[in-house]
Structures are given as structure tokens and as C-alpha cells.
Amino acid sequence: MEVNTSTPLASSLHKNFLSCARNFLFSFETTYKMGKSSKGKGGKNRRKGKNFNGGQKRELIHKEEGQEYAQITKMLGNGRLEVSCFDGIKRMGHIRGKMRKKVWMGQGDIILVSLRDFQDDLCDVVHKYNSDEARTLKNIGELPESAKINETDTFGADDEEEVNFEFGDDDDDDEDDDELDIDDI
């Protein structure tokens, strides 16, 4: 098909039309050949996969002066938790900003806390040990033998009373039926 491009306006319109047509065809080809547009980086599984450790062992961190091993007794929220230190004192722990939303903690986890000089009942979480590291610490004698590892309900389970419910027919229900007679109404 021949187009009259003798005038400068017609020539520039023809060039613009051809470049638009080429761009449209290119985007159409890439979209339908690849299935989807390849602009995205991936979904949530890609984000999970980038933090994968690959089974590598971390170096075991031992406590230093001003630090203590502890076990989480209760998650309080807002980056705070109640910990039971292995020196026998219950403290309120604070998760550092470096660990927030990166290291997930739960009840019963073994952690390393930094004690505060000016507030004995408060501490800061320095490191969280995984279960293998906690077992290693227990085997070498850093943690006491009474430390429970891999048990979620570690504290206060024995102190609570059980409430039993009995389901079934009671004799008391029959007496209530005798008192109310529909014919008397």
C-alpha cells in the first residue's frame, strides 16, 4: 500500500502511525507469547524464598557480661514479651528494631537478652535460638536441665483448674416441666 508522503505533514503523520503500529505489535507479541506481562517480580513465595538459609549452621552465640538466657512465657504485643530468665527473675522483654518483623518469636522459645543497668525488671532481646541451638546450649551446660525446649505450654499449665462439663439428661429438668402445665393457662 502506497501512501502519498509528498507534504511534510503527511510524512510526519505516516512516521508516527508506523511507530505506533510497531509498538502495538511488539507489546501484543510479548504479551501473548509469554503469557503474562513480565513486569512483576513474583508473588509471596518469591519473598519467602529469598530468606531461605539453605540448611547452613549459624555460629552459636554465648552470653557475655550483662546478658542472660531466657525463655518466653507470654507474648504481650507491641514488640514486648514476658520472659523468665534462667537467673530466676521474670522480666519484661523488648524486641529490638533490628529483629522486629524479621525474627518471629513465640511462647517457649529460648532467647538471649541484654540486661539493663538502670532497670532490673526490663531487658532487650538480642538473639533468638532455634531448637537445635537451644539443645546444644543445654547439652554443654549453658542452660539448666529444667529448661523445656520445644514445648509451647511451658508455664502455668499445672496451676489452672480444669472445668468439666457434663452433657445429658438431669432429673432437675423433669421437675421444671411438672411445674408448668399448658392446660392450666
Protein backbone atom coordinates (compact mmCIF):
# COMPACT_ATOMS: atom_id res chain seq x y z
CA MET A 1 0.00 0.00 0.00
CA GLU A 2 1.48 3.28 -1.04
CA VAL A 3 0.86 6.48 0.85
CA ASN A 4 1.33 9.93 -0.58
CA THR A 5 4.03 11.47 1.61
CA SER A 6 4.81 14.48 -0.57
CA THR A 7 3.79 17.01 2.08
CA PRO A 8 5.77 17.30 5.32
CA LEU A 9 2.64 16.92 7.44
CA ALA A 10 1.65 13.71 5.69
CA SER A 11 5.20 12.40 6.05
CA SER A 12 5.32 13.01 9.83
CA LEU A 13 1.83 11.53 10.32
CA HIS A 14 2.86 8.44 8.39
CA LYS A 15 6.01 8.00 10.54
CA ASN A 16 4.02 8.43 13.77
CA PHE A 17 1.45 5.92 12.59
CA LEU A 18 4.14 3.37 11.71
CA SER A 19 5.92 3.76 15.07
CA CYS A 20 2.62 3.36 16.96
CA ALA A 21 1.77 0.27 14.94
CA ARG A 22 5.22 -1.24 15.64
CA ASN A 23 4.89 -0.57 19.38
CA PHE A 24 1.44 -2.10 19.46
CA LEU A 25 2.56 -5.22 17.60
CA PHE A 26 5.62 -5.62 19.85
CA SER A 27 3.59 -5.37 23.06
CA PHE A 28 0.93 -7.68 21.61
CA GLU A 29 3.55 -10.31 20.69
CA THR A 30 5.35 -10.22 24.04
CA THR A 31 2.11 -10.37 25.99
CA TYR A 32 0.69 -13.35 24.17
CA LYS A 33 3.93 -15.26 23.64
CA MET A 34 4.99 -15.01 27.29
CA GLY A 35 1.52 -15.45 28.70
CA LYS A 36 1.69 -12.54 31.12
CA SER A 37 3.43 -9.25 31.20
CA SER A 38 6.86 -9.78 32.70
CA LYS A 39 6.86 -6.58 34.71
CA GLY A 40 6.17 -8.22 38.08
CA LYS A 41 8.82 -9.56 40.41
CA GLY A 42 6.82 -12.51 41.73
CA GLY A 43 4.42 -13.35 44.49
CA LYS A 44 4.69 -14.09 48.18
CA ASN A 45 6.53 -17.36 47.58
CA ARG A 46 9.40 -15.45 45.99
CA ARG A 47 9.61 -13.25 49.07
CA LYS A 48 9.66 -16.31 51.32
CA GLY A 49 12.32 -17.98 49.22
CA LYS A 50 14.80 -15.13 49.34
CA ASN A 51 15.26 -15.58 53.10
CA PHE A 52 15.90 -19.31 52.84
CA ASN A 53 19.00 -20.25 54.80
CA GLY A 54 19.73 -23.43 52.86
CA GLY A 55 20.32 -25.50 55.99
CA GLN A 56 23.52 -23.68 56.89
CA LYS A 57 24.53 -23.78 60.53
CA ARG A 58 24.90 -20.49 62.36
CA GLU A 59 27.68 -19.83 64.79
CA LEU A 60 26.46 -20.43 68.35
CA ILE A 61 26.32 -17.17 70.30
CA HIS A 62 27.15 -17.48 74.00
CA LYS A 63 26.15 -14.98 76.66
CA GLU A 64 28.53 -12.23 77.67
CA GLU A 65 28.64 -9.94 80.68
CA GLY A 66 25.34 -8.10 81.05
CA GLN A 67 23.42 -10.77 79.11
CA GLU A 68 21.29 -13.69 80.22
CA TYR A 69 19.50 -16.66 78.67
CA ALA A 70 15.70 -16.57 78.96
CA GLN A 71 12.56 -18.36 77.84
CA ILE A 72 9.48 -16.55 76.56
CA THR A 73 6.50 -17.06 78.86
CA LYS A 74 3.95 -14.76 77.24
CA MET A 75 3.69 -12.59 74.14
CA LEU A 76 2.29 -9.20 75.16
CA GLY A 77 2.16 -7.44 71.80
CA ASN A 78 3.67 -4.20 70.53
CA GLY A 79 7.15 -5.73 70.49
CA ARG A 80 7.00 -6.68 74.17
CA LEU A 81 7.06 -10.04 75.85
CA GLU A 82 7.27 -11.56 79.28
CA VAL A 83 10.38 -13.66 79.79
CA SER A 84 11.60 -15.91 82.55
CA CYS A 85 15.36 -15.53 82.80
CA PHE A 86 17.39 -18.51 83.91
CA ASP A 87 18.80 -16.46 86.81
CA GLY A 88 15.34 -16.83 88.40
CA ILE A 89 13.89 -13.37 87.68
CA LYS A 90 10.84 -12.65 85.50
CA ARG A 91 11.37 -9.63 83.28
CA MET A 92 9.57 -7.74 80.56
CA GLY A 93 11.46 -8.04 77.30
CA HIS A 94 11.54 -5.63 74.40
CA ILE A 95 12.21 -6.82 70.83
CA ARG A 96 14.84 -4.65 69.17
CA GLY A 97 14.01 -2.83 65.95
CA LYS A 98 16.56 -4.92 64.06
CA MET A 99 14.60 -8.08 64.92
CA ARG A 100 11.05 -6.77 64.51
CA LYS A 101 9.16 -8.37 61.61
CA LYS A 102 12.29 -10.31 60.66
CA VAL A 103 12.71 -12.81 63.51
CA TRP A 104 9.45 -14.37 64.65
CA MET A 105 9.21 -15.47 68.26
CA GLY A 106 6.68 -17.50 70.16
CA GLN A 107 5.94 -18.78 73.62
CA GLY A 108 8.55 -21.24 74.84
CA ASP A 109 11.40 -20.00 72.60
CA ILE A 110 14.87 -19.68 74.10
CA ILE A 111 16.36 -16.20 73.64
CA LEU A 112 19.38 -14.18 74.70
CA VAL A 113 18.53 -10.91 76.45
CA SER A 114 20.61 -7.91 77.32
CA LEU A 115 20.01 -6.70 80.87
CA ARG A 116 19.56 -3.01 81.56
CA ASP A 117 21.80 -1.44 84.20
CA PHE A 118 19.22 1.11 85.30
CA GLN A 119 16.08 -1.09 85.19
CA ASP A 120 16.45 -4.63 86.51
CA ASP A 121 12.91 -5.70 85.54
CA LEU A 122 13.35 -4.77 81.84
CA CYS A 123 15.56 -6.34 79.18
CA ASP A 124 16.14 -6.25 75.42
CA VAL A 125 16.06 -9.30 73.14
CA VAL A 126 19.42 -9.72 71.42
CA HIS A 127 19.16 -13.14 69.75
CA LYS A 128 16.66 -15.97 69.25
CA TYR A 129 17.96 -19.54 69.32
CA ASN A 130 16.39 -22.21 67.15
CA SER A 131 15.61 -25.57 68.76
CA ASP A 132 18.89 -27.21 67.68
CA GLU A 133 20.94 -24.38 69.13
CA ALA A 134 18.92 -24.47 72.37
CA ARG A 135 19.53 -28.22 72.70
CA THR A 136 23.24 -27.65 72.14
CA LEU A 137 23.29 -24.96 74.85
CA LYS A 138 21.52 -27.35 77.22
CA ASN A 139 23.96 -30.18 76.45
CA ILE A 140 27.06 -28.06 77.12
CA GLY A 141 25.60 -26.82 80.41
CA GLU A 142 24.80 -23.20 79.50
CA LEU A 143 21.07 -23.75 80.12
CA PRO A 144 19.76 -25.51 83.24
CA GLU A 145 18.35 -29.02 82.97
CA SER A 146 14.92 -27.68 83.96
CA ALA A 147 14.69 -25.68 80.71
CA LYS A 148 11.93 -27.06 78.50
CA ILE A 149 12.69 -26.93 74.79
CA ASN A 150 10.05 -27.43 72.05
CA GLU A 151 7.14 -27.25 74.48
CA THR A 152 4.71 -24.43 73.86
CA ASP A 153 2.80 -24.59 77.16
CA THR A 154 5.80 -24.31 79.46
CA PHE A 155 4.46 -22.13 82.24
CA GLY A 156 1.31 -22.08 84.32
CA ALA A 157 -0.38 -25.14 82.85
CA ASP A 158 -0.40 -27.03 86.16
CA ASP A 159 -1.80 -24.11 88.16
CA GLU A 160 -5.04 -23.83 86.20
CA GLU A 161 -8.05 -25.84 87.33
CA GLU A 162 -9.94 -27.98 84.88
CA VAL A 163 -13.59 -27.25 84.27
CA ASN A 164 -15.61 -30.31 83.40
CA PHE A 165 -18.95 -30.13 81.63
CA GLU A 166 -21.48 -32.93 81.78
CA PHE A 167 -23.90 -33.30 78.93
CA GLY A 168 -27.03 -35.37 79.26
CA ASP A 169 -30.45 -35.52 80.91
CA ASP A 170 -30.77 -34.36 84.51
CA ASP A 171 -33.59 -35.16 86.90
CA ASP A 172 -33.89 -31.44 87.69
CA ASP A 173 -35.24 -30.75 84.20
CA ASP A 174 -38.25 -33.07 84.79
CA GLU A 175 -39.31 -31.11 87.89
CA ASP A 176 -39.40 -27.88 85.89
CA ASP A 177 -41.72 -29.50 83.34
CA ASP A 178 -44.16 -30.60 86.09
CA GLU A 179 -44.49 -27.09 87.45
CA LEU A 180 -45.54 -25.60 84.12
CA ASP A 181 -48.68 -27.13 82.64
CA ILE A 182 -50.07 -25.68 79.44
CA ASP A 183 -53.66 -26.82 80.17
CA ASP A 184 -53.78 -24.65 83.30
CA ILE A 185 -53.17 -21.49 81.33
